[in-house]
């Protein structure tokens, strides 16, 4: 009997790249003529995995978020890993918006992915292990088909396929 092959489905974000993008965005906001003296600020909480934008108006906040988004894309961070919350009024006319950086696959998403893989009727076994999924099969071709299937789906967060053996 052939040895079983497997791979893991994970969702990770390189926080160093997020920090680099944050630094670049902060410099651009300080230098750009339309944002320079606007009072817009961004902050990064690495431990809590949160980005916060404070701006004097909603329009300026959207511009700052666009700057951050462009820097994240250039650094190779998938924007679907950044979930922006609602705009919250702050002191005076200013507004604040917080984004959470998603890491790991939550239980609901993991069970949905598992159900979708089982729905393909491919001969493979899916197990949920904490914040990742392990897909195993005797056939490597089957695993390749599962990866191709998952790449075509949208689960609201970026997925990576690691430990392919």
N, C-alpha and C. Protein backbone atom coordinates (compact mmCIF):
# COMPACT_ATOMS: atom_id res chain seq x y z
N UNK A 1 0.83 -1.18 0.00
CA UNK A 1 0.00 0.00 0.00
C UNK A 1 0.88 1.25 0.00
N UNK A 2 0.47 2.25 -0.75
CA UNK A 2 1.24 3.48 -0.87
C UNK A 2 1.12 4.32 0.40
N UNK A 3 2.18 5.03 0.69
CA UNK A 3 2.19 5.92 1.84
C UNK A 3 1.25 7.10 1.58
N UNK A 4 0.53 7.54 2.61
CA UNK A 4 -0.38 8.67 2.42
C UNK A 4 0.38 9.98 2.32
N UNK A 5 -0.03 10.82 1.39
CA UNK A 5 0.52 12.16 1.25
C UNK A 5 -0.46 13.14 1.89
N UNK A 6 0.06 14.30 2.28
CA UNK A 6 -0.83 15.28 2.91
C UNK A 6 -0.29 16.69 2.73
N UNK A 7 -1.14 17.65 3.00
CA UNK A 7 -0.73 19.05 3.08
C UNK A 7 -1.63 19.75 4.09
N UNK A 8 -1.18 20.92 4.56
CA UNK A 8 -1.94 21.70 5.52
C UNK A 8 -2.49 22.95 4.84
N UNK A 9 -3.71 23.30 5.19
CA UNK A 9 -4.32 24.56 4.74
C UNK A 9 -4.26 25.51 5.94
N UNK A 10 -3.54 26.62 5.78
CA UNK A 10 -3.38 27.58 6.86
C UNK A 10 -3.69 28.98 6.34
N UNK A 11 -3.84 29.91 7.26
CA UNK A 11 -4.01 31.31 6.91
C UNK A 11 -3.08 32.12 7.81
N UNK A 12 -1.96 32.57 7.24
CA UNK A 12 -0.98 33.32 8.02
C UNK A 12 -0.69 34.65 7.35
N UNK A 13 -0.26 35.60 8.16
CA UNK A 13 0.14 36.92 7.68
C UNK A 13 1.51 37.22 8.28
N UNK A 14 2.45 37.66 7.45
CA UNK A 14 3.78 38.02 7.92
C UNK A 14 3.70 39.41 8.56
N UNK A 15 3.72 39.46 9.88
CA UNK A 15 3.56 40.73 10.59
C UNK A 15 4.73 41.68 10.33
N UNK A 16 5.90 41.15 9.97
CA UNK A 16 7.02 42.03 9.65
C UNK A 16 6.73 42.81 8.38
N UNK A 17 6.09 42.16 7.40
CA UNK A 17 5.71 42.85 6.17
C UNK A 17 4.63 43.90 6.45
N UNK A 18 3.70 43.58 7.36
CA UNK A 18 2.67 44.55 7.75
C UNK A 18 3.33 45.75 8.41
N UNK A 19 4.33 45.51 9.27
CA UNK A 19 5.05 46.58 9.94
C UNK A 19 5.81 47.44 8.92
N UNK A 20 6.43 46.80 7.93
CA UNK A 20 7.14 47.54 6.88
C UNK A 20 6.16 48.41 6.08
N UNK A 21 5.00 47.85 5.72
CA UNK A 21 3.99 48.60 4.97
C UNK A 21 3.47 49.77 5.81
N UNK A 22 3.30 49.55 7.11
CA UNK A 22 2.86 50.60 8.02
C UNK A 22 3.87 51.75 8.03
N UNK A 23 5.16 51.41 8.12
CA UNK A 23 6.21 52.43 8.11
C UNK A 23 6.22 53.24 6.82
N UNK A 24 6.08 52.54 5.69
CA UNK A 24 6.05 53.22 4.40
C UNK A 24 4.83 54.14 4.29
N UNK A 25 3.67 53.65 4.74
CA UNK A 25 2.44 54.45 4.67
C UNK A 25 2.56 55.68 5.57
N UNK A 26 3.15 55.51 6.74
CA UNK A 26 3.31 56.63 7.67
C UNK A 26 4.19 57.72 7.05
N UNK A 27 5.28 57.31 6.37
CA UNK A 27 6.15 58.27 5.70
C UNK A 27 5.43 58.97 4.55
N UNK A 28 4.65 58.20 3.77
CA UNK A 28 3.94 58.81 2.64
C UNK A 28 2.90 59.82 3.13
N UNK A 29 2.21 59.51 4.22
CA UNK A 29 1.20 60.43 4.76
C UNK A 29 1.88 61.72 5.24
N UNK A 30 3.08 61.61 5.80
CA UNK A 30 3.80 62.79 6.28
C UNK A 30 4.32 63.64 5.12
N UNK A 31 4.50 63.05 3.93
CA UNK A 31 5.09 63.78 2.80
C UNK A 31 4.08 64.21 1.75
N UNK A 32 2.95 63.50 1.63
CA UNK A 32 2.00 63.83 0.56
C UNK A 32 1.34 65.17 0.82
N UNK A 33 1.28 66.00 -0.22
CA UNK A 33 0.79 67.38 -0.05
C UNK A 33 -0.66 67.44 0.44
N UNK A 34 -1.51 66.49 0.02
CA UNK A 34 -2.92 66.55 0.42
C UNK A 34 -3.16 65.94 1.80
N UNK A 35 -2.20 65.19 2.32
CA UNK A 35 -2.37 64.57 3.64
C UNK A 35 -1.41 65.11 4.70
N UNK A 36 -0.43 65.91 4.27
CA UNK A 36 0.66 66.35 5.15
C UNK A 36 0.17 67.02 6.43
N UNK A 37 -0.63 68.06 6.33
CA UNK A 37 -1.07 68.80 7.51
C UNK A 37 -2.54 68.56 7.81
N UNK A 38 -3.06 67.42 7.38
CA UNK A 38 -4.48 67.15 7.57
C UNK A 38 -4.81 66.65 8.97
N UNK A 39 -3.81 66.19 9.70
CA UNK A 39 -4.06 65.66 11.04
C UNK A 39 -4.37 64.17 11.04
N UNK A 40 -4.20 63.52 9.89
CA UNK A 40 -4.44 62.08 9.80
C UNK A 40 -3.29 61.32 10.43
N UNK A 41 -3.63 60.25 11.15
CA UNK A 41 -2.62 59.42 11.81
C UNK A 41 -2.97 57.95 11.62
N UNK A 42 -1.93 57.11 11.59
CA UNK A 42 -2.14 55.67 11.60
C UNK A 42 -1.31 55.09 12.72
N UNK A 43 -1.78 53.99 13.30
CA UNK A 43 -1.01 53.31 14.34
C UNK A 43 -1.18 51.81 14.16
N UNK A 44 -0.15 51.09 14.60
CA UNK A 44 -0.13 49.64 14.47
C UNK A 44 0.11 49.03 15.84
N UNK A 45 -0.76 48.10 16.23
CA UNK A 45 -0.59 47.33 17.45
C UNK A 45 -0.21 45.92 17.03
N UNK A 46 1.10 45.62 17.05
CA UNK A 46 1.57 44.32 16.57
C UNK A 46 1.01 43.17 17.41
N UNK A 47 1.01 43.32 18.71
CA UNK A 47 0.54 42.26 19.60
C UNK A 47 -0.94 41.97 19.42
N UNK A 48 -1.73 43.03 19.31
CA UNK A 48 -3.17 42.88 19.14
C UNK A 48 -3.59 42.71 17.69
N UNK A 49 -2.62 42.80 16.78
CA UNK A 49 -2.86 42.67 15.34
C UNK A 49 -3.95 43.63 14.87
N UNK A 50 -3.76 44.92 15.18
CA UNK A 50 -4.75 45.93 14.79
C UNK A 50 -4.06 47.14 14.17
N UNK A 51 -4.69 47.67 13.11
CA UNK A 51 -4.31 48.94 12.49
C UNK A 51 -5.40 49.94 12.82
N UNK A 52 -5.02 51.16 13.19
CA UNK A 52 -6.01 52.18 13.50
C UNK A 52 -5.71 53.43 12.69
N UNK A 53 -6.74 53.98 12.08
CA UNK A 53 -6.64 55.22 11.32
C UNK A 53 -7.48 56.27 12.03
N UNK A 54 -6.87 57.41 12.34
CA UNK A 54 -7.58 58.55 12.91
C UNK A 54 -7.45 59.70 11.93
N UNK A 55 -8.55 60.32 11.54
CA UNK A 55 -8.53 61.38 10.54
C UNK A 55 -9.57 62.45 10.88
N UNK A 56 -9.37 63.67 10.37
CA UNK A 56 -10.32 64.74 10.67
C UNK A 56 -11.65 64.60 9.92
N UNK A 57 -11.69 63.79 8.87
CA UNK A 57 -12.93 63.61 8.11
C UNK A 57 -12.95 62.21 7.49
N UNK A 58 -14.13 61.75 7.15
CA UNK A 58 -14.30 60.42 6.56
C UNK A 58 -13.55 60.31 5.24
N UNK A 59 -13.57 61.37 4.43
CA UNK A 59 -12.89 61.38 3.14
C UNK A 59 -11.38 61.17 3.32
N UNK A 60 -10.79 61.87 4.28
CA UNK A 60 -9.35 61.75 4.55
C UNK A 60 -9.04 60.34 5.06
N UNK A 61 -9.91 59.78 5.88
CA UNK A 61 -9.70 58.42 6.40
C UNK A 61 -9.67 57.42 5.25
N UNK A 62 -10.56 57.60 4.27
CA UNK A 62 -10.57 56.69 3.11
C UNK A 62 -9.29 56.82 2.30
N UNK A 63 -8.76 58.04 2.16
CA UNK A 63 -7.49 58.23 1.45
C UNK A 63 -6.35 57.53 2.18
N UNK A 64 -6.32 57.64 3.49
CA UNK A 64 -5.26 57.01 4.28
C UNK A 64 -5.36 55.48 4.17
N UNK A 65 -6.57 54.96 4.19
CA UNK A 65 -6.78 53.51 4.06
C UNK A 65 -6.31 53.04 2.68
N UNK A 66 -6.54 53.85 1.65
CA UNK A 66 -6.04 53.51 0.31
C UNK A 66 -4.52 53.47 0.28
N UNK A 67 -3.88 54.41 0.96
CA UNK A 67 -2.41 54.44 1.02
C UNK A 67 -1.90 53.17 1.71
N UNK A 68 -2.52 52.82 2.85
CA UNK A 68 -2.11 51.62 3.58
C UNK A 68 -2.32 50.38 2.71
N UNK A 69 -3.46 50.30 2.03
CA UNK A 69 -3.75 49.16 1.17
C UNK A 69 -2.74 49.01 0.06
N UNK A 70 -2.34 50.11 -0.57
CA UNK A 70 -1.37 50.02 -1.65
C UNK A 70 -0.01 49.55 -1.13
N UNK A 71 0.36 49.99 0.05
CA UNK A 71 1.65 49.57 0.64
C UNK A 71 1.60 48.08 1.03
N UNK A 72 0.47 47.63 1.55
CA UNK A 72 0.33 46.21 1.90
C UNK A 72 0.43 45.33 0.65
N UNK A 73 -0.21 45.75 -0.44
CA UNK A 73 -0.15 44.98 -1.68
C UNK A 73 1.28 44.90 -2.18
N UNK A 74 2.00 46.04 -2.16
CA UNK A 74 3.38 46.05 -2.62
C UNK A 74 4.27 45.14 -1.78
N UNK A 75 3.92 44.97 -0.50
CA UNK A 75 4.72 44.12 0.39
C UNK A 75 4.27 42.66 0.35
N UNK A 76 3.26 42.36 -0.47
CA UNK A 76 2.83 40.97 -0.62
C UNK A 76 1.84 40.48 0.42
N UNK A 77 1.17 41.40 1.10
CA UNK A 77 0.15 41.03 2.09
C UNK A 77 -1.21 41.08 1.42
N UNK A 78 -1.95 39.99 1.49
CA UNK A 78 -3.27 39.92 0.87
C UNK A 78 -4.24 40.81 1.65
N UNK A 79 -4.97 41.67 0.93
CA UNK A 79 -5.89 42.60 1.60
C UNK A 79 -7.08 41.91 2.24
N UNK A 80 -7.38 40.66 1.83
CA UNK A 80 -8.49 39.96 2.47
C UNK A 80 -8.13 39.54 3.90
N UNK A 81 -6.86 39.67 4.28
CA UNK A 81 -6.45 39.37 5.65
C UNK A 81 -6.67 40.56 6.58
N UNK A 82 -7.03 41.71 6.00
CA UNK A 82 -7.26 42.92 6.79
C UNK A 82 -8.75 43.23 6.75
N UNK A 83 -9.42 43.11 7.90
CA UNK A 83 -10.86 43.37 8.00
C UNK A 83 -11.09 44.72 8.67
N UNK A 84 -11.55 45.68 7.87
CA UNK A 84 -11.81 47.02 8.40
C UNK A 84 -13.17 47.07 9.08
N UNK A 85 -13.20 47.71 10.24
CA UNK A 85 -14.44 47.89 10.98
C UNK A 85 -15.18 49.12 10.49
N UNK A 86 -16.24 49.46 11.16
CA UNK A 86 -17.04 50.63 10.79
C UNK A 86 -16.33 51.91 11.21
N UNK A 87 -16.71 53.00 10.55
CA UNK A 87 -16.17 54.31 10.91
C UNK A 87 -16.86 54.78 12.19
N UNK A 88 -16.04 55.14 13.18
CA UNK A 88 -16.55 55.55 14.48
C UNK A 88 -16.24 57.04 14.68
N UNK A 89 -17.24 57.85 15.02
CA UNK A 89 -16.95 59.27 15.28
C UNK A 89 -16.08 59.40 16.53
N UNK A 90 -15.08 60.27 16.45
CA UNK A 90 -14.20 60.52 17.59
C UNK A 90 -14.43 61.96 18.06
N UNK A 91 -13.50 62.53 18.77
CA UNK A 91 -13.66 63.88 19.32
C UNK A 91 -13.84 64.91 18.20
N UNK A 92 -14.77 65.81 18.39
CA UNK A 92 -15.03 66.85 17.38
C UNK A 92 -15.59 66.25 16.10
N UNK A 93 -15.03 66.67 14.98
CA UNK A 93 -15.47 66.17 13.68
C UNK A 93 -14.66 64.96 13.23
N UNK A 94 -13.65 64.58 13.98
CA UNK A 94 -12.75 63.52 13.54
C UNK A 94 -13.41 62.14 13.59
N UNK A 95 -12.83 61.22 12.83
CA UNK A 95 -13.33 59.85 12.79
C UNK A 95 -12.18 58.88 13.03
N UNK A 96 -12.54 57.67 13.42
CA UNK A 96 -11.55 56.63 13.69
C UNK A 96 -12.04 55.33 13.06
N UNK A 97 -11.11 54.58 12.49
CA UNK A 97 -11.47 53.30 11.90
C UNK A 97 -10.37 52.29 12.24
N UNK A 98 -10.79 51.12 12.70
CA UNK A 98 -9.84 50.09 13.13
C UNK A 98 -9.95 48.88 12.23
N UNK A 99 -8.81 48.27 11.95
CA UNK A 99 -8.77 47.05 11.14
C UNK A 99 -8.13 45.94 11.95
N UNK A 100 -8.67 44.75 11.80
CA UNK A 100 -8.12 43.58 12.47
C UNK A 100 -7.39 42.74 11.42
N UNK A 101 -6.20 42.29 11.74
CA UNK A 101 -5.44 41.44 10.83
C UNK A 101 -5.72 39.99 11.22
N UNK A 102 -6.33 39.27 10.28
CA UNK A 102 -6.80 37.91 10.56
C UNK A 102 -5.66 36.91 10.41
N UNK A 103 -5.50 36.08 11.41
CA UNK A 103 -4.49 35.02 11.40
C UNK A 103 -5.17 33.73 11.86
N UNK A 104 -4.94 32.66 11.14
CA UNK A 104 -5.54 31.38 11.49
C UNK A 104 -6.94 31.24 10.92
N UNK A 105 -7.40 30.02 10.87
CA UNK A 105 -8.73 29.74 10.32
C UNK A 105 -9.66 29.45 11.49
N UNK A 106 -10.74 30.23 11.61
CA UNK A 106 -11.67 30.00 12.72
C UNK A 106 -12.48 28.72 12.47
N UNK A 107 -13.16 28.25 13.52
CA UNK A 107 -13.87 26.97 13.48
C UNK A 107 -14.94 26.92 12.39
N UNK A 108 -15.72 28.00 12.24
CA UNK A 108 -16.78 28.02 11.23
C UNK A 108 -16.22 27.90 9.82
N UNK A 109 -15.18 28.69 9.53
CA UNK A 109 -14.58 28.66 8.20
C UNK A 109 -13.94 27.30 7.94
N UNK A 110 -13.28 26.74 8.96
CA UNK A 110 -12.64 25.43 8.81
C UNK A 110 -13.68 24.36 8.49
N UNK A 111 -14.82 24.38 9.16
CA UNK A 111 -15.85 23.37 8.89
C UNK A 111 -16.47 23.59 7.50
N UNK A 112 -16.58 24.85 7.06
CA UNK A 112 -17.10 25.12 5.72
C UNK A 112 -16.13 24.61 4.65
N UNK A 113 -14.83 24.85 4.85
CA UNK A 113 -13.82 24.35 3.91
C UNK A 113 -13.85 22.82 3.87
N UNK A 114 -13.91 22.21 5.05
CA UNK A 114 -13.96 20.75 5.14
C UNK A 114 -15.18 20.19 4.41
N UNK A 115 -16.33 20.81 4.62
CA UNK A 115 -17.57 20.37 3.97
C UNK A 115 -17.46 20.51 2.44
N UNK A 116 -16.88 21.65 1.99
CA UNK A 116 -16.72 21.86 0.55
C UNK A 116 -15.78 20.82 -0.08
N UNK A 117 -14.71 20.47 0.62
CA UNK A 117 -13.77 19.47 0.10
C UNK A 117 -14.47 18.11 0.03
N UNK A 118 -15.22 17.75 1.07
CA UNK A 118 -15.94 16.48 1.05
C UNK A 118 -16.99 16.48 -0.06
N UNK A 119 -17.54 17.64 -0.38
CA UNK A 119 -18.55 17.77 -1.42
C UNK A 119 -18.00 17.54 -2.83
N UNK A 120 -16.69 17.59 -2.99
CA UNK A 120 -16.09 17.35 -4.31
C UNK A 120 -16.06 15.87 -4.65
N UNK A 121 -16.31 15.00 -3.67
CA UNK A 121 -16.31 13.54 -3.83
C UNK A 121 -14.93 12.99 -4.21
N UNK A 122 -13.87 13.74 -3.90
CA UNK A 122 -12.51 13.24 -4.13
C UNK A 122 -12.13 12.32 -2.96
N UNK A 123 -11.28 11.34 -3.23
CA UNK A 123 -10.90 10.38 -2.19
C UNK A 123 -9.79 10.99 -1.34
N UNK A 124 -10.20 11.74 -0.33
CA UNK A 124 -9.25 12.34 0.59
C UNK A 124 -9.91 12.49 1.96
N UNK A 125 -9.06 12.69 2.96
CA UNK A 125 -9.54 12.82 4.33
C UNK A 125 -9.15 14.21 4.83
N UNK A 126 -10.11 14.91 5.44
CA UNK A 126 -9.87 16.26 5.96
C UNK A 126 -10.03 16.24 7.47
N UNK A 127 -9.02 16.73 8.17
CA UNK A 127 -9.12 16.84 9.63
C UNK A 127 -8.82 18.28 10.04
N UNK A 128 -9.58 18.77 11.01
CA UNK A 128 -9.39 20.13 11.52
C UNK A 128 -8.49 20.02 12.74
N UNK A 129 -7.35 20.73 12.70
CA UNK A 129 -6.39 20.70 13.80
C UNK A 129 -6.16 22.12 14.29
N UNK A 130 -6.96 22.55 15.24
CA UNK A 130 -6.83 23.91 15.76
C UNK A 130 -7.22 24.94 14.73
N UNK A 131 -6.24 25.77 14.32
CA UNK A 131 -6.53 26.83 13.35
C UNK A 131 -6.02 26.48 11.95
N UNK A 132 -5.88 25.18 11.68
CA UNK A 132 -5.48 24.74 10.33
C UNK A 132 -6.21 23.45 9.98
N UNK A 133 -6.16 23.09 8.71
CA UNK A 133 -6.77 21.84 8.25
C UNK A 133 -5.68 20.97 7.64
N UNK A 134 -5.77 19.69 7.83
CA UNK A 134 -4.86 18.75 7.18
C UNK A 134 -5.67 17.91 6.21
N UNK A 135 -5.22 17.89 4.96
CA UNK A 135 -5.87 17.10 3.92
C UNK A 135 -4.89 16.00 3.54
N UNK A 136 -5.35 14.73 3.60
CA UNK A 136 -4.47 13.61 3.27
C UNK A 136 -5.17 12.66 2.31
N UNK A 137 -4.34 12.04 1.47
CA UNK A 137 -4.86 11.11 0.48
C UNK A 137 -3.71 10.21 0.02
N UNK A 138 -4.05 9.05 -0.53
CA UNK A 138 -3.04 8.15 -1.06
C UNK A 138 -2.49 8.69 -2.38
N UNK A 139 -3.28 9.47 -3.08
CA UNK A 139 -2.89 9.98 -4.40
C UNK A 139 -2.48 11.45 -4.32
N UNK A 140 -1.27 11.76 -4.81
CA UNK A 140 -0.83 13.15 -4.84
C UNK A 140 -1.65 13.95 -5.84
N UNK A 141 -2.11 13.29 -6.90
CA UNK A 141 -2.95 13.97 -7.89
C UNK A 141 -4.24 14.48 -7.27
N UNK A 142 -4.81 13.68 -6.37
CA UNK A 142 -6.03 14.09 -5.67
C UNK A 142 -5.76 15.33 -4.84
N UNK A 143 -4.61 15.37 -4.16
CA UNK A 143 -4.27 16.54 -3.36
C UNK A 143 -4.10 17.78 -4.24
N UNK A 144 -3.52 17.59 -5.42
CA UNK A 144 -3.37 18.72 -6.35
C UNK A 144 -4.75 19.23 -6.79
N UNK A 145 -5.69 18.32 -7.00
CA UNK A 145 -7.05 18.71 -7.37
C UNK A 145 -7.72 19.49 -6.24
N UNK A 146 -7.49 19.06 -5.00
CA UNK A 146 -8.07 19.75 -3.85
C UNK A 146 -7.51 21.17 -3.76
N UNK A 147 -6.20 21.32 -3.94
CA UNK A 147 -5.58 22.65 -3.90
C UNK A 147 -6.16 23.53 -5.00
N UNK A 148 -6.28 22.99 -6.21
CA UNK A 148 -6.85 23.75 -7.33
C UNK A 148 -8.30 24.16 -7.02
N UNK A 149 -9.07 23.26 -6.41
CA UNK A 149 -10.45 23.56 -6.03
C UNK A 149 -10.49 24.70 -5.01
N UNK A 150 -9.64 24.62 -3.97
CA UNK A 150 -9.65 25.63 -2.91
C UNK A 150 -9.20 26.99 -3.43
N UNK A 151 -8.28 27.00 -4.39
CA UNK A 151 -7.83 28.28 -4.95
C UNK A 151 -8.96 28.98 -5.70
N UNK A 152 -9.91 28.23 -6.20
CA UNK A 152 -11.05 28.80 -6.91
C UNK A 152 -12.16 29.28 -5.99
N UNK A 153 -12.07 28.99 -4.71
CA UNK A 153 -13.11 29.38 -3.75
C UNK A 153 -12.71 30.65 -3.02
N UNK A 154 -13.69 31.34 -2.41
CA UNK A 154 -13.42 32.53 -1.62
C UNK A 154 -13.99 32.32 -0.22
N UNK A 155 -13.10 32.30 0.77
CA UNK A 155 -13.53 32.10 2.17
C UNK A 155 -13.33 33.36 3.01
N UNK A 156 -13.08 34.49 2.35
CA UNK A 156 -12.96 35.75 3.07
C UNK A 156 -11.62 35.98 3.73
N UNK A 157 -10.66 35.11 3.48
CA UNK A 157 -9.32 35.28 4.02
C UNK A 157 -8.35 34.51 3.12
N UNK A 158 -7.09 34.92 3.11
CA UNK A 158 -6.13 34.23 2.25
C UNK A 158 -5.78 32.86 2.82
N UNK A 159 -5.64 31.88 1.94
CA UNK A 159 -5.26 30.53 2.37
C UNK A 159 -3.90 30.18 1.77
N UNK A 160 -3.06 29.49 2.54
CA UNK A 160 -1.79 28.99 2.05
C UNK A 160 -1.79 27.47 2.22
N UNK A 161 -1.04 26.81 1.35
CA UNK A 161 -0.97 25.35 1.37
C UNK A 161 0.48 24.96 1.65
N UNK A 162 0.70 24.43 2.85
CA UNK A 162 2.07 24.18 3.33
C UNK A 162 2.23 22.71 3.72
N UNK A 163 3.47 22.32 3.99
CA UNK A 163 3.82 20.96 4.44
C UNK A 163 3.32 19.89 3.47
N UNK A 164 3.49 20.16 2.17
CA UNK A 164 3.06 19.17 1.17
C UNK A 164 4.06 18.05 1.17
N UNK A 165 3.60 16.85 1.57
CA UNK A 165 4.48 15.68 1.56
C UNK A 165 3.73 14.46 1.12
